[in-house]
Every structure is written in C-alpha cells, then in structure tokens.
Amino acid sequence: YNPLDIVKCVKMWLKDNSDFKADIT
C-alpha cells in the first residue's frame, strides 16, 4: 500500500476511531 494512504488512515483513526474503516487500494 502507498505509505501516504496509510498516513491518511492513521490521521483518520486519531480523529475518530469509534467506527474506523479504511478502504484503500
């Protein structure tokens, strides 16, 4: 996976991890 996509997912998790979902290509 693209490291930049993973970084975005981690930032999303930090903002709200109550119902975290990551759909990256």
PDBML (XML) file of the C-alpha atoms, coordinates in Angstrom:
<?xml version="1.0" encoding="UTF-8" ?>
<PDBx:datablock datablockName="MODEL"
   xmlns:PDBx="http://pdbml.pdb.org/schema/pdbx-v50.xsd"
   xmlns:xsi="http://www.w3.org/2001/XMLSchema-instance"
   xsi:schemaLocation="http://pdbml.pdb.org/schema/pdbx-v50.xsd pdbx-v50.xsd">
   <PDBx:atom_siteCategory>
      <PDBx:atom_site id="1">
         <PDBx:B_iso_or_equiv>0.00</PDBx:B_iso_or_equiv>
         <PDBx:Cartn_x>0.000</PDBx:Cartn_x>
         <PDBx:Cartn_y>0.000</PDBx:Cartn_y>
         <PDBx:Cartn_z>0.000</PDBx:Cartn_z>
         <PDBx:auth_asym_id>A</PDBx:auth_asym_id>
         <PDBx:auth_atom_id>CA</PDBx:auth_atom_id>
         <PDBx:auth_comp_id>TYR</PDBx:auth_comp_id>
         <PDBx:auth_seq_id>1</PDBx:auth_seq_id>
         <PDBx:group_PDB>ATOM</PDBx:group_PDB>
         <PDBx:label_alt_id xsi:nil="true" />
         <PDBx:label_asym_id>A</PDBx:label_asym_id>
         <PDBx:label_atom_id>CA</PDBx:label_atom_id>
         <PDBx:label_comp_id>TYR</PDBx:label_comp_id>
         <PDBx:label_entity_id>1</PDBx:label_entity_id>
         <PDBx:label_seq_id>1</PDBx:label_seq_id>
         <PDBx:occupancy>1.00</PDBx:occupancy>
         <PDBx:pdbx_PDB_model_num>1</PDBx:pdbx_PDB_model_num>
         <PDBx:type_symbol>C</PDBx:type_symbol>
      </PDBx:atom_site>
      <PDBx:atom_site id="2">
         <PDBx:B_iso_or_equiv>0.00</PDBx:B_iso_or_equiv>
         <PDBx:Cartn_x>1.002</PDBx:Cartn_x>
         <PDBx:Cartn_y>3.601</PDBx:Cartn_y>
         <PDBx:Cartn_z>-0.529</PDBx:Cartn_z>
         <PDBx:auth_asym_id>A</PDBx:auth_asym_id>
         <PDBx:auth_atom_id>CA</PDBx:auth_atom_id>
         <PDBx:auth_comp_id>ASN</PDBx:auth_comp_id>
         <PDBx:auth_seq_id>2</PDBx:auth_seq_id>
         <PDBx:group_PDB>ATOM</PDBx:group_PDB>
         <PDBx:label_alt_id xsi:nil="true" />
         <PDBx:label_asym_id>A</PDBx:label_asym_id>
         <PDBx:label_atom_id>CA</PDBx:label_atom_id>
         <PDBx:label_comp_id>ASN</PDBx:label_comp_id>
         <PDBx:label_entity_id>1</PDBx:label_entity_id>
         <PDBx:label_seq_id>2</PDBx:label_seq_id>
         <PDBx:occupancy>1.00</PDBx:occupancy>
         <PDBx:pdbx_PDB_model_num>1</PDBx:pdbx_PDB_model_num>
         <PDBx:type_symbol>C</PDBx:type_symbol>
      </PDBx:atom_site>
      <PDBx:atom_site id="3">
         <PDBx:B_iso_or_equiv>0.00</PDBx:B_iso_or_equiv>
         <PDBx:Cartn_x>2.650</PDBx:Cartn_x>
         <PDBx:Cartn_y>4.996</PDBx:Cartn_y>
         <PDBx:Cartn_z>2.635</PDBx:Cartn_z>
         <PDBx:auth_asym_id>A</PDBx:auth_asym_id>
         <PDBx:auth_atom_id>CA</PDBx:auth_atom_id>
         <PDBx:auth_comp_id>PRO</PDBx:auth_comp_id>
         <PDBx:auth_seq_id>3</PDBx:auth_seq_id>
         <PDBx:group_PDB>ATOM</PDBx:group_PDB>
         <PDBx:label_alt_id xsi:nil="true" />
         <PDBx:label_asym_id>A</PDBx:label_asym_id>
         <PDBx:label_atom_id>CA</PDBx:label_atom_id>
         <PDBx:label_comp_id>PRO</PDBx:label_comp_id>
         <PDBx:label_entity_id>1</PDBx:label_entity_id>
         <PDBx:label_seq_id>3</PDBx:label_seq_id>
         <PDBx:occupancy>1.00</PDBx:occupancy>
         <PDBx:pdbx_PDB_model_num>1</PDBx:pdbx_PDB_model_num>
         <PDBx:type_symbol>C</PDBx:type_symbol>
      </PDBx:atom_site>
      <PDBx:atom_site id="4">
         <PDBx:B_iso_or_equiv>0.00</PDBx:B_iso_or_equiv>
         <PDBx:Cartn_x>0.777</PDBx:Cartn_x>
         <PDBx:Cartn_y>8.289</PDBx:Cartn_y>
         <PDBx:Cartn_z>2.117</PDBx:Cartn_z>
         <PDBx:auth_asym_id>A</PDBx:auth_asym_id>
         <PDBx:auth_atom_id>CA</PDBx:auth_atom_id>
         <PDBx:auth_comp_id>LEU</PDBx:auth_comp_id>
         <PDBx:auth_seq_id>4</PDBx:auth_seq_id>
         <PDBx:group_PDB>ATOM</PDBx:group_PDB>
         <PDBx:label_alt_id xsi:nil="true" />
         <PDBx:label_asym_id>A</PDBx:label_asym_id>
         <PDBx:label_atom_id>CA</PDBx:label_atom_id>
         <PDBx:label_comp_id>LEU</PDBx:label_comp_id>
         <PDBx:label_entity_id>1</PDBx:label_entity_id>
         <PDBx:label_seq_id>4</PDBx:label_seq_id>
         <PDBx:occupancy>1.00</PDBx:occupancy>
         <PDBx:pdbx_PDB_model_num>1</PDBx:pdbx_PDB_model_num>
         <PDBx:type_symbol>C</PDBx:type_symbol>
      </PDBx:atom_site>
      <PDBx:atom_site id="5">
         <PDBx:B_iso_or_equiv>0.00</PDBx:B_iso_or_equiv>
         <PDBx:Cartn_x>-2.568</PDBx:Cartn_x>
         <PDBx:Cartn_y>6.433</PDBx:Cartn_y>
         <PDBx:Cartn_z>2.114</PDBx:Cartn_z>
         <PDBx:auth_asym_id>A</PDBx:auth_asym_id>
         <PDBx:auth_atom_id>CA</PDBx:auth_atom_id>
         <PDBx:auth_comp_id>ASP</PDBx:auth_comp_id>
         <PDBx:auth_seq_id>5</PDBx:auth_seq_id>
         <PDBx:group_PDB>ATOM</PDBx:group_PDB>
         <PDBx:label_alt_id xsi:nil="true" />
         <PDBx:label_asym_id>A</PDBx:label_asym_id>
         <PDBx:label_atom_id>CA</PDBx:label_atom_id>
         <PDBx:label_comp_id>ASP</PDBx:label_comp_id>
         <PDBx:label_entity_id>1</PDBx:label_entity_id>
         <PDBx:label_seq_id>5</PDBx:label_seq_id>
         <PDBx:occupancy>1.00</PDBx:occupancy>
         <PDBx:pdbx_PDB_model_num>1</PDBx:pdbx_PDB_model_num>
         <PDBx:type_symbol>C</PDBx:type_symbol>
      </PDBx:atom_site>
      <PDBx:atom_site id="6">
         <PDBx:B_iso_or_equiv>0.00</PDBx:B_iso_or_equiv>
         <PDBx:Cartn_x>-1.604</PDBx:Cartn_x>
         <PDBx:Cartn_y>4.696</PDBx:Cartn_y>
         <PDBx:Cartn_z>5.357</PDBx:Cartn_z>
         <PDBx:auth_asym_id>A</PDBx:auth_asym_id>
         <PDBx:auth_atom_id>CA</PDBx:auth_atom_id>
         <PDBx:auth_comp_id>ILE</PDBx:auth_comp_id>
         <PDBx:auth_seq_id>6</PDBx:auth_seq_id>
         <PDBx:group_PDB>ATOM</PDBx:group_PDB>
         <PDBx:label_alt_id xsi:nil="true" />
         <PDBx:label_asym_id>A</PDBx:label_asym_id>
         <PDBx:label_atom_id>CA</PDBx:label_atom_id>
         <PDBx:label_comp_id>ILE</PDBx:label_comp_id>
         <PDBx:label_entity_id>1</PDBx:label_entity_id>
         <PDBx:label_seq_id>6</PDBx:label_seq_id>
         <PDBx:occupancy>1.00</PDBx:occupancy>
         <PDBx:pdbx_PDB_model_num>1</PDBx:pdbx_PDB_model_num>
         <PDBx:type_symbol>C</PDBx:type_symbol>
      </PDBx:atom_site>
      <PDBx:atom_site id="7">
         <PDBx:B_iso_or_equiv>0.00</PDBx:B_iso_or_equiv>
         <PDBx:Cartn_x>-0.663</PDBx:Cartn_x>
         <PDBx:Cartn_y>8.038</PDBx:Cartn_y>
         <PDBx:Cartn_z>6.938</PDBx:Cartn_z>
         <PDBx:auth_asym_id>A</PDBx:auth_asym_id>
         <PDBx:auth_atom_id>CA</PDBx:auth_atom_id>
         <PDBx:auth_comp_id>VAL</PDBx:auth_comp_id>
         <PDBx:auth_seq_id>7</PDBx:auth_seq_id>
         <PDBx:group_PDB>ATOM</PDBx:group_PDB>
         <PDBx:label_alt_id xsi:nil="true" />
         <PDBx:label_asym_id>A</PDBx:label_asym_id>
         <PDBx:label_atom_id>CA</PDBx:label_atom_id>
         <PDBx:label_comp_id>VAL</PDBx:label_comp_id>
         <PDBx:label_entity_id>1</PDBx:label_entity_id>
         <PDBx:label_seq_id>7</PDBx:label_seq_id>
         <PDBx:occupancy>1.00</PDBx:occupancy>
         <PDBx:pdbx_PDB_model_num>1</PDBx:pdbx_PDB_model_num>
         <PDBx:type_symbol>C</PDBx:type_symbol>
      </PDBx:atom_site>
      <PDBx:atom_site id="8">
         <PDBx:B_iso_or_equiv>0.00</PDBx:B_iso_or_equiv>
         <PDBx:Cartn_x>-4.102</PDBx:Cartn_x>
         <PDBx:Cartn_y>9.410</PDBx:Cartn_y>
         <PDBx:Cartn_z>5.985</PDBx:Cartn_z>
         <PDBx:auth_asym_id>A</PDBx:auth_asym_id>
         <PDBx:auth_atom_id>CA</PDBx:auth_atom_id>
         <PDBx:auth_comp_id>LYS</PDBx:auth_comp_id>
         <PDBx:auth_seq_id>8</PDBx:auth_seq_id>
         <PDBx:group_PDB>ATOM</PDBx:group_PDB>
         <PDBx:label_alt_id xsi:nil="true" />
         <PDBx:label_asym_id>A</PDBx:label_asym_id>
         <PDBx:label_atom_id>CA</PDBx:label_atom_id>
         <PDBx:label_comp_id>LYS</PDBx:label_comp_id>
         <PDBx:label_entity_id>1</PDBx:label_entity_id>
         <PDBx:label_seq_id>8</PDBx:label_seq_id>
         <PDBx:occupancy>1.00</PDBx:occupancy>
         <PDBx:pdbx_PDB_model_num>1</PDBx:pdbx_PDB_model_num>
         <PDBx:type_symbol>C</PDBx:type_symbol>
      </PDBx:atom_site>
      <PDBx:atom_site id="9">
         <PDBx:B_iso_or_equiv>0.00</PDBx:B_iso_or_equiv>
         <PDBx:Cartn_x>-5.763</PDBx:Cartn_x>
         <PDBx:Cartn_y>6.380</PDBx:Cartn_y>
         <PDBx:Cartn_z>7.575</PDBx:Cartn_z>
         <PDBx:auth_asym_id>A</PDBx:auth_asym_id>
         <PDBx:auth_atom_id>CA</PDBx:auth_atom_id>
         <PDBx:auth_comp_id>CYS</PDBx:auth_comp_id>
         <PDBx:auth_seq_id>9</PDBx:auth_seq_id>
         <PDBx:group_PDB>ATOM</PDBx:group_PDB>
         <PDBx:label_alt_id xsi:nil="true" />
         <PDBx:label_asym_id>A</PDBx:label_asym_id>
         <PDBx:label_atom_id>CA</PDBx:label_atom_id>
         <PDBx:label_comp_id>CYS</PDBx:label_comp_id>
         <PDBx:label_entity_id>1</PDBx:label_entity_id>
         <PDBx:label_seq_id>9</PDBx:label_seq_id>
         <PDBx:occupancy>1.00</PDBx:occupancy>
         <PDBx:pdbx_PDB_model_num>1</PDBx:pdbx_PDB_model_num>
         <PDBx:type_symbol>C</PDBx:type_symbol>
      </PDBx:atom_site>
      <PDBx:atom_site id="10">
         <PDBx:B_iso_or_equiv>0.00</PDBx:B_iso_or_equiv>
         <PDBx:Cartn_x>-3.796</PDBx:Cartn_x>
         <PDBx:Cartn_y>6.840</PDBx:Cartn_y>
         <PDBx:Cartn_z>10.803</PDBx:Cartn_z>
         <PDBx:auth_asym_id>A</PDBx:auth_asym_id>
         <PDBx:auth_atom_id>CA</PDBx:auth_atom_id>
         <PDBx:auth_comp_id>VAL</PDBx:auth_comp_id>
         <PDBx:auth_seq_id>10</PDBx:auth_seq_id>
         <PDBx:group_PDB>ATOM</PDBx:group_PDB>
         <PDBx:label_alt_id xsi:nil="true" />
         <PDBx:label_asym_id>A</PDBx:label_asym_id>
         <PDBx:label_atom_id>CA</PDBx:label_atom_id>
         <PDBx:label_comp_id>VAL</PDBx:label_comp_id>
         <PDBx:label_entity_id>1</PDBx:label_entity_id>
         <PDBx:label_seq_id>10</PDBx:label_seq_id>
         <PDBx:occupancy>1.00</PDBx:occupancy>
         <PDBx:pdbx_PDB_model_num>1</PDBx:pdbx_PDB_model_num>
         <PDBx:type_symbol>C</PDBx:type_symbol>
      </PDBx:atom_site>
      <PDBx:atom_site id="11">
         <PDBx:B_iso_or_equiv>0.00</PDBx:B_iso_or_equiv>
         <PDBx:Cartn_x>-4.839</PDBx:Cartn_x>
         <PDBx:Cartn_y>10.509</PDBx:Cartn_y>
         <PDBx:Cartn_z>10.946</PDBx:Cartn_z>
         <PDBx:auth_asym_id>A</PDBx:auth_asym_id>
         <PDBx:auth_atom_id>CA</PDBx:auth_atom_id>
         <PDBx:auth_comp_id>LYS</PDBx:auth_comp_id>
         <PDBx:auth_seq_id>11</PDBx:auth_seq_id>
         <PDBx:group_PDB>ATOM</PDBx:group_PDB>
         <PDBx:label_alt_id xsi:nil="true" />
         <PDBx:label_asym_id>A</PDBx:label_asym_id>
         <PDBx:label_atom_id>CA</PDBx:label_atom_id>
         <PDBx:label_comp_id>LYS</PDBx:label_comp_id>
         <PDBx:label_entity_id>1</PDBx:label_entity_id>
         <PDBx:label_seq_id>11</PDBx:label_seq_id>
         <PDBx:occupancy>1.00</PDBx:occupancy>
         <PDBx:pdbx_PDB_model_num>1</PDBx:pdbx_PDB_model_num>
         <PDBx:type_symbol>C</PDBx:type_symbol>
      </PDBx:atom_site>
      <PDBx:atom_site id="12">
         <PDBx:B_iso_or_equiv>0.00</PDBx:B_iso_or_equiv>
         <PDBx:Cartn_x>-8.467</PDBx:Cartn_x>
         <PDBx:Cartn_y>9.444</PDBx:Cartn_y>
         <PDBx:Cartn_z>10.418</PDBx:Cartn_z>
         <PDBx:auth_asym_id>A</PDBx:auth_asym_id>
         <PDBx:auth_atom_id>CA</PDBx:auth_atom_id>
         <PDBx:auth_comp_id>MET</PDBx:auth_comp_id>
         <PDBx:auth_seq_id>12</PDBx:auth_seq_id>
         <PDBx:group_PDB>ATOM</PDBx:group_PDB>
         <PDBx:label_alt_id xsi:nil="true" />
         <PDBx:label_asym_id>A</PDBx:label_asym_id>
         <PDBx:label_atom_id>CA</PDBx:label_atom_id>
         <PDBx:label_comp_id>MET</PDBx:label_comp_id>
         <PDBx:label_entity_id>1</PDBx:label_entity_id>
         <PDBx:label_seq_id>12</PDBx:label_seq_id>
         <PDBx:occupancy>1.00</PDBx:occupancy>
         <PDBx:pdbx_PDB_model_num>1</PDBx:pdbx_PDB_model_num>
         <PDBx:type_symbol>C</PDBx:type_symbol>
      </PDBx:atom_site>
      <PDBx:atom_site id="13">
         <PDBx:B_iso_or_equiv>0.00</PDBx:B_iso_or_equiv>
         <PDBx:Cartn_x>-8.113</PDBx:Cartn_x>
         <PDBx:Cartn_y>6.961</PDBx:Cartn_y>
         <PDBx:Cartn_z>13.279</PDBx:Cartn_z>
         <PDBx:auth_asym_id>A</PDBx:auth_asym_id>
         <PDBx:auth_atom_id>CA</PDBx:auth_atom_id>
         <PDBx:auth_comp_id>TRP</PDBx:auth_comp_id>
         <PDBx:auth_seq_id>13</PDBx:auth_seq_id>
         <PDBx:group_PDB>ATOM</PDBx:group_PDB>
         <PDBx:label_alt_id xsi:nil="true" />
         <PDBx:label_asym_id>A</PDBx:label_asym_id>
         <PDBx:label_atom_id>CA</PDBx:label_atom_id>
         <PDBx:label_comp_id>TRP</PDBx:label_comp_id>
         <PDBx:label_entity_id>1</PDBx:label_entity_id>
         <PDBx:label_seq_id>13</PDBx:label_seq_id>
         <PDBx:occupancy>1.00</PDBx:occupancy>
         <PDBx:pdbx_PDB_model_num>1</PDBx:pdbx_PDB_model_num>
         <PDBx:type_symbol>C</PDBx:type_symbol>
      </PDBx:atom_site>
      <PDBx:atom_site id="14">
         <PDBx:B_iso_or_equiv>0.00</PDBx:B_iso_or_equiv>
         <PDBx:Cartn_x>-6.726</PDBx:Cartn_x>
         <PDBx:Cartn_y>9.650</PDBx:Cartn_y>
         <PDBx:Cartn_z>15.572</PDBx:Cartn_z>
         <PDBx:auth_asym_id>A</PDBx:auth_asym_id>
         <PDBx:auth_atom_id>CA</PDBx:auth_atom_id>
         <PDBx:auth_comp_id>LEU</PDBx:auth_comp_id>
         <PDBx:auth_seq_id>14</PDBx:auth_seq_id>
         <PDBx:group_PDB>ATOM</PDBx:group_PDB>
         <PDBx:label_alt_id xsi:nil="true" />
         <PDBx:label_asym_id>A</PDBx:label_asym_id>
         <PDBx:label_atom_id>CA</PDBx:label_atom_id>
         <PDBx:label_comp_id>LEU</PDBx:label_comp_id>
         <PDBx:label_entity_id>1</PDBx:label_entity_id>
         <PDBx:label_seq_id>14</PDBx:label_seq_id>
         <PDBx:occupancy>1.00</PDBx:occupancy>
         <PDBx:pdbx_PDB_model_num>1</PDBx:pdbx_PDB_model_num>
         <PDBx:type_symbol>C</PDBx:type_symbol>
      </PDBx:atom_site>
      <PDBx:atom_site id="15">
         <PDBx:B_iso_or_equiv>0.00</PDBx:B_iso_or_equiv>
         <PDBx:Cartn_x>-9.695</PDBx:Cartn_x>
         <PDBx:Cartn_y>11.913</PDBx:Cartn_y>
         <PDBx:Cartn_z>14.812</PDBx:Cartn_z>
         <PDBx:auth_asym_id>A</PDBx:auth_asym_id>
         <PDBx:auth_atom_id>CA</PDBx:auth_atom_id>
         <PDBx:auth_comp_id>LYS</PDBx:auth_comp_id>
         <PDBx:auth_seq_id>15</PDBx:auth_seq_id>
         <PDBx:group_PDB>ATOM</PDBx:group_PDB>
         <PDBx:label_alt_id xsi:nil="true" />
         <PDBx:label_asym_id>A</PDBx:label_asym_id>
         <PDBx:label_atom_id>CA</PDBx:label_atom_id>
         <PDBx:label_comp_id>LYS</PDBx:label_comp_id>
         <PDBx:label_entity_id>1</PDBx:label_entity_id>
         <PDBx:label_seq_id>15</PDBx:label_seq_id>
         <PDBx:occupancy>1.00</PDBx:occupancy>
         <PDBx:pdbx_PDB_model_num>1</PDBx:pdbx_PDB_model_num>
         <PDBx:type_symbol>C</PDBx:type_symbol>
      </PDBx:atom_site>
      <PDBx:atom_site id="16">
         <PDBx:B_iso_or_equiv>0.00</PDBx:B_iso_or_equiv>
         <PDBx:Cartn_x>-12.344</PDBx:Cartn_x>
         <PDBx:Cartn_y>9.216</PDBx:Cartn_y>
         <PDBx:Cartn_z>15.325</PDBx:Cartn_z>
         <PDBx:auth_asym_id>A</PDBx:auth_asym_id>
         <PDBx:auth_atom_id>CA</PDBx:auth_atom_id>
         <PDBx:auth_comp_id>ASP</PDBx:auth_comp_id>
         <PDBx:auth_seq_id>16</PDBx:auth_seq_id>
         <PDBx:group_PDB>ATOM</PDBx:group_PDB>
         <PDBx:label_alt_id xsi:nil="true" />
         <PDBx:label_asym_id>A</PDBx:label_asym_id>
         <PDBx:label_atom_id>CA</PDBx:label_atom_id>
         <PDBx:label_comp_id>ASP</PDBx:label_comp_id>
         <PDBx:label_entity_id>1</PDBx:label_entity_id>
         <PDBx:label_seq_id>16</PDBx:label_seq_id>
         <PDBx:occupancy>1.00</PDBx:occupancy>
         <PDBx:pdbx_PDB_model_num>1</PDBx:pdbx_PDB_model_num>
         <PDBx:type_symbol>C</PDBx:type_symbol>
      </PDBx:atom_site>
      <PDBx:atom_site id="17">
         <PDBx:B_iso_or_equiv>0.00</PDBx:B_iso_or_equiv>
         <PDBx:Cartn_x>-11.666</PDBx:Cartn_x>
         <PDBx:Cartn_y>5.542</PDBx:Cartn_y>
         <PDBx:Cartn_z>15.967</PDBx:Cartn_z>
         <PDBx:auth_asym_id>A</PDBx:auth_asym_id>
         <PDBx:auth_atom_id>CA</PDBx:auth_atom_id>
         <PDBx:auth_comp_id>ASN</PDBx:auth_comp_id>
         <PDBx:auth_seq_id>17</PDBx:auth_seq_id>
         <PDBx:group_PDB>ATOM</PDBx:group_PDB>
         <PDBx:label_alt_id xsi:nil="true" />
         <PDBx:label_asym_id>A</PDBx:label_asym_id>
         <PDBx:label_atom_id>CA</PDBx:label_atom_id>
         <PDBx:label_comp_id>ASN</PDBx:label_comp_id>
         <PDBx:label_entity_id>1</PDBx:label_entity_id>
         <PDBx:label_seq_id>17</PDBx:label_seq_id>
         <PDBx:occupancy>1.00</PDBx:occupancy>
         <PDBx:pdbx_PDB_model_num>1</PDBx:pdbx_PDB_model_num>
         <PDBx:type_symbol>C</PDBx:type_symbol>
      </PDBx:atom_site>
      <PDBx:atom_site id="18">
         <PDBx:B_iso_or_equiv>0.00</PDBx:B_iso_or_equiv>
         <PDBx:Cartn_x>-15.110</PDBx:Cartn_x>
         <PDBx:Cartn_y>4.603</PDBx:Cartn_y>
         <PDBx:Cartn_z>17.247</PDBx:Cartn_z>
         <PDBx:auth_asym_id>A</PDBx:auth_asym_id>
         <PDBx:auth_atom_id>CA</PDBx:auth_atom_id>
         <PDBx:auth_comp_id>SER</PDBx:auth_comp_id>
         <PDBx:auth_seq_id>18</PDBx:auth_seq_id>
         <PDBx:group_PDB>ATOM</PDBx:group_PDB>
         <PDBx:label_alt_id xsi:nil="true" />
         <PDBx:label_asym_id>A</PDBx:label_asym_id>
         <PDBx:label_atom_id>CA</PDBx:label_atom_id>
         <PDBx:label_comp_id>SER</PDBx:label_comp_id>
         <PDBx:label_entity_id>1</PDBx:label_entity_id>
         <PDBx:label_seq_id>18</PDBx:label_seq_id>
         <PDBx:occupancy>1.00</PDBx:occupancy>
         <PDBx:pdbx_PDB_model_num>1</PDBx:pdbx_PDB_model_num>
         <PDBx:type_symbol>C</PDBx:type_symbol>
      </PDBx:atom_site>
      <PDBx:atom_site id="19">
         <PDBx:B_iso_or_equiv>0.00</PDBx:B_iso_or_equiv>
         <PDBx:Cartn_x>-16.157</PDBx:Cartn_x>
         <PDBx:Cartn_y>3.041</PDBx:Cartn_y>
         <PDBx:Cartn_z>13.934</PDBx:Cartn_z>
         <PDBx:auth_asym_id>A</PDBx:auth_asym_id>
         <PDBx:auth_atom_id>CA</PDBx:auth_atom_id>
         <PDBx:auth_comp_id>ASP</PDBx:auth_comp_id>
         <PDBx:auth_seq_id>19</PDBx:auth_seq_id>
         <PDBx:group_PDB>ATOM</PDBx:group_PDB>
         <PDBx:label_alt_id xsi:nil="true" />
         <PDBx:label_asym_id>A</PDBx:label_asym_id>
         <PDBx:label_atom_id>CA</PDBx:label_atom_id>
         <PDBx:label_comp_id>ASP</PDBx:label_comp_id>
         <PDBx:label_entity_id>1</PDBx:label_entity_id>
         <PDBx:label_seq_id>19</PDBx:label_seq_id>
         <PDBx:occupancy>1.00</PDBx:occupancy>
         <PDBx:pdbx_PDB_model_num>1</PDBx:pdbx_PDB_model_num>
         <PDBx:type_symbol>C</PDBx:type_symbol>
      </PDBx:atom_site>
      <PDBx:atom_site id="20">
         <PDBx:B_iso_or_equiv>0.00</PDBx:B_iso_or_equiv>
         <PDBx:Cartn_x>-12.920</PDBx:Cartn_x>
         <PDBx:Cartn_y>3.057</PDBx:Cartn_y>
         <PDBx:Cartn_z>11.978</PDBx:Cartn_z>
         <PDBx:auth_asym_id>A</PDBx:auth_asym_id>
         <PDBx:auth_atom_id>CA</PDBx:auth_atom_id>
         <PDBx:auth_comp_id>PHE</PDBx:auth_comp_id>
         <PDBx:auth_seq_id>20</PDBx:auth_seq_id>
         <PDBx:group_PDB>ATOM</PDBx:group_PDB>
         <PDBx:label_alt_id xsi:nil="true" />
         <PDBx:label_asym_id>A</PDBx:label_asym_id>
         <PDBx:label_atom_id>CA</PDBx:label_atom_id>
         <PDBx:label_comp_id>PHE</PDBx:label_comp_id>
         <PDBx:label_entity_id>1</PDBx:label_entity_id>
         <PDBx:label_seq_id>20</PDBx:label_seq_id>
         <PDBx:occupancy>1.00</PDBx:occupancy>
         <PDBx:pdbx_PDB_model_num>1</PDBx:pdbx_PDB_model_num>
         <PDBx:type_symbol>C</PDBx:type_symbol>
      </PDBx:atom_site>
      <PDBx:atom_site id="21">
         <PDBx:B_iso_or_equiv>0.00</PDBx:B_iso_or_equiv>
         <PDBx:Cartn_x>-12.937</PDBx:Cartn_x>
         <PDBx:Cartn_y>1.769</PDBx:Cartn_y>
         <PDBx:Cartn_z>8.416</PDBx:Cartn_z>
         <PDBx:auth_asym_id>A</PDBx:auth_asym_id>
         <PDBx:auth_atom_id>CA</PDBx:auth_atom_id>
         <PDBx:auth_comp_id>LYS</PDBx:auth_comp_id>
         <PDBx:auth_seq_id>21</PDBx:auth_seq_id>
         <PDBx:group_PDB>ATOM</PDBx:group_PDB>
         <PDBx:label_alt_id xsi:nil="true" />
         <PDBx:label_asym_id>A</PDBx:label_asym_id>
         <PDBx:label_atom_id>CA</PDBx:label_atom_id>
         <PDBx:label_comp_id>LYS</PDBx:label_comp_id>
         <PDBx:label_entity_id>1</PDBx:label_entity_id>
         <PDBx:label_seq_id>21</PDBx:label_seq_id>
         <PDBx:occupancy>1.00</PDBx:occupancy>
         <PDBx:pdbx_PDB_model_num>1</PDBx:pdbx_PDB_model_num>
         <PDBx:type_symbol>C</PDBx:type_symbol>
      </PDBx:atom_site>
      <PDBx:atom_site id="22">
         <PDBx:B_iso_or_equiv>0.00</PDBx:B_iso_or_equiv>
         <PDBx:Cartn_x>-10.201</PDBx:Cartn_x>
         <PDBx:Cartn_y>2.022</PDBx:Cartn_y>
         <PDBx:Cartn_z>5.798</PDBx:Cartn_z>
         <PDBx:auth_asym_id>A</PDBx:auth_asym_id>
         <PDBx:auth_atom_id>CA</PDBx:auth_atom_id>
         <PDBx:auth_comp_id>ALA</PDBx:auth_comp_id>
         <PDBx:auth_seq_id>22</PDBx:auth_seq_id>
         <PDBx:group_PDB>ATOM</PDBx:group_PDB>
         <PDBx:label_alt_id xsi:nil="true" />
         <PDBx:label_asym_id>A</PDBx:label_asym_id>
         <PDBx:label_atom_id>CA</PDBx:label_atom_id>
         <PDBx:label_comp_id>ALA</PDBx:label_comp_id>
         <PDBx:label_entity_id>1</PDBx:label_entity_id>
         <PDBx:label_seq_id>22</PDBx:label_seq_id>
         <PDBx:occupancy>1.00</PDBx:occupancy>
         <PDBx:pdbx_PDB_model_num>1</PDBx:pdbx_PDB_model_num>
         <PDBx:type_symbol>C</PDBx:type_symbol>
      </PDBx:atom_site>
      <PDBx:atom_site id="23">
         <PDBx:B_iso_or_equiv>0.00</PDBx:B_iso_or_equiv>
         <PDBx:Cartn_x>-10.833</PDBx:Cartn_x>
         <PDBx:Cartn_y>1.196</PDBx:Cartn_y>
         <PDBx:Cartn_z>2.169</PDBx:Cartn_z>
         <PDBx:auth_asym_id>A</PDBx:auth_asym_id>
         <PDBx:auth_atom_id>CA</PDBx:auth_atom_id>
         <PDBx:auth_comp_id>ASP</PDBx:auth_comp_id>
         <PDBx:auth_seq_id>23</PDBx:auth_seq_id>
         <PDBx:group_PDB>ATOM</PDBx:group_PDB>
         <PDBx:label_alt_id xsi:nil="true" />
         <PDBx:label_asym_id>A</PDBx:label_asym_id>
         <PDBx:label_atom_id>CA</PDBx:label_atom_id>
         <PDBx:label_comp_id>ASP</PDBx:label_comp_id>
         <PDBx:label_entity_id>1</PDBx:label_entity_id>
         <PDBx:label_seq_id>23</PDBx:label_seq_id>
         <PDBx:occupancy>1.00</PDBx:occupancy>
         <PDBx:pdbx_PDB_model_num>1</PDBx:pdbx_PDB_model_num>
         <PDBx:type_symbol>C</PDBx:type_symbol>
      </PDBx:atom_site>
      <PDBx:atom_site id="24">
         <PDBx:B_iso_or_equiv>0.00</PDBx:B_iso_or_equiv>
         <PDBx:Cartn_x>-7.572</PDBx:Cartn_x>
         <PDBx:Cartn_y>1.864</PDBx:Cartn_y>
         <PDBx:Cartn_z>0.353</PDBx:Cartn_z>
         <PDBx:auth_asym_id>A</PDBx:auth_asym_id>
         <PDBx:auth_atom_id>CA</PDBx:auth_atom_id>
         <PDBx:auth_comp_id>ILE</PDBx:auth_comp_id>
         <PDBx:auth_seq_id>24</PDBx:auth_seq_id>
         <PDBx:group_PDB>ATOM</PDBx:group_PDB>
         <PDBx:label_alt_id xsi:nil="true" />
         <PDBx:label_asym_id>A</PDBx:label_asym_id>
         <PDBx:label_atom_id>CA</PDBx:label_atom_id>
         <PDBx:label_comp_id>ILE</PDBx:label_comp_id>
         <PDBx:label_entity_id>1</PDBx:label_entity_id>
         <PDBx:label_seq_id>24</PDBx:label_seq_id>
         <PDBx:occupancy>1.00</PDBx:occupancy>
         <PDBx:pdbx_PDB_model_num>1</PDBx:pdbx_PDB_model_num>
         <PDBx:type_symbol>C</PDBx:type_symbol>
      </PDBx:atom_site>
      <PDBx:atom_site id="25">
         <PDBx:B_iso_or_equiv>0.00</PDBx:B_iso_or_equiv>
         <PDBx:Cartn_x>-6.361</PDBx:Cartn_x>
         <PDBx:Cartn_y>0.400</PDBx:Cartn_y>
         <PDBx:Cartn_z>-2.921</PDBx:Cartn_z>
         <PDBx:auth_asym_id>A</PDBx:auth_asym_id>
         <PDBx:auth_atom_id>CA</PDBx:auth_atom_id>
         <PDBx:auth_comp_id>THR</PDBx:auth_comp_id>
         <PDBx:auth_seq_id>25</PDBx:auth_seq_id>
         <PDBx:group_PDB>ATOM</PDBx:group_PDB>
         <PDBx:label_alt_id xsi:nil="true" />
         <PDBx:label_asym_id>A</PDBx:label_asym_id>
         <PDBx:label_atom_id>CA</PDBx:label_atom_id>
         <PDBx:label_comp_id>THR</PDBx:label_comp_id>
         <PDBx:label_entity_id>1</PDBx:label_entity_id>
         <PDBx:label_seq_id>25</PDBx:label_seq_id>
         <PDBx:occupancy>1.00</PDBx:occupancy>
         <PDBx:pdbx_PDB_model_num>1</PDBx:pdbx_PDB_model_num>
         <PDBx:type_symbol>C</PDBx:type_symbol>
      </PDBx:atom_site>
   </PDBx:atom_siteCategory>
</PDBx:datablock>
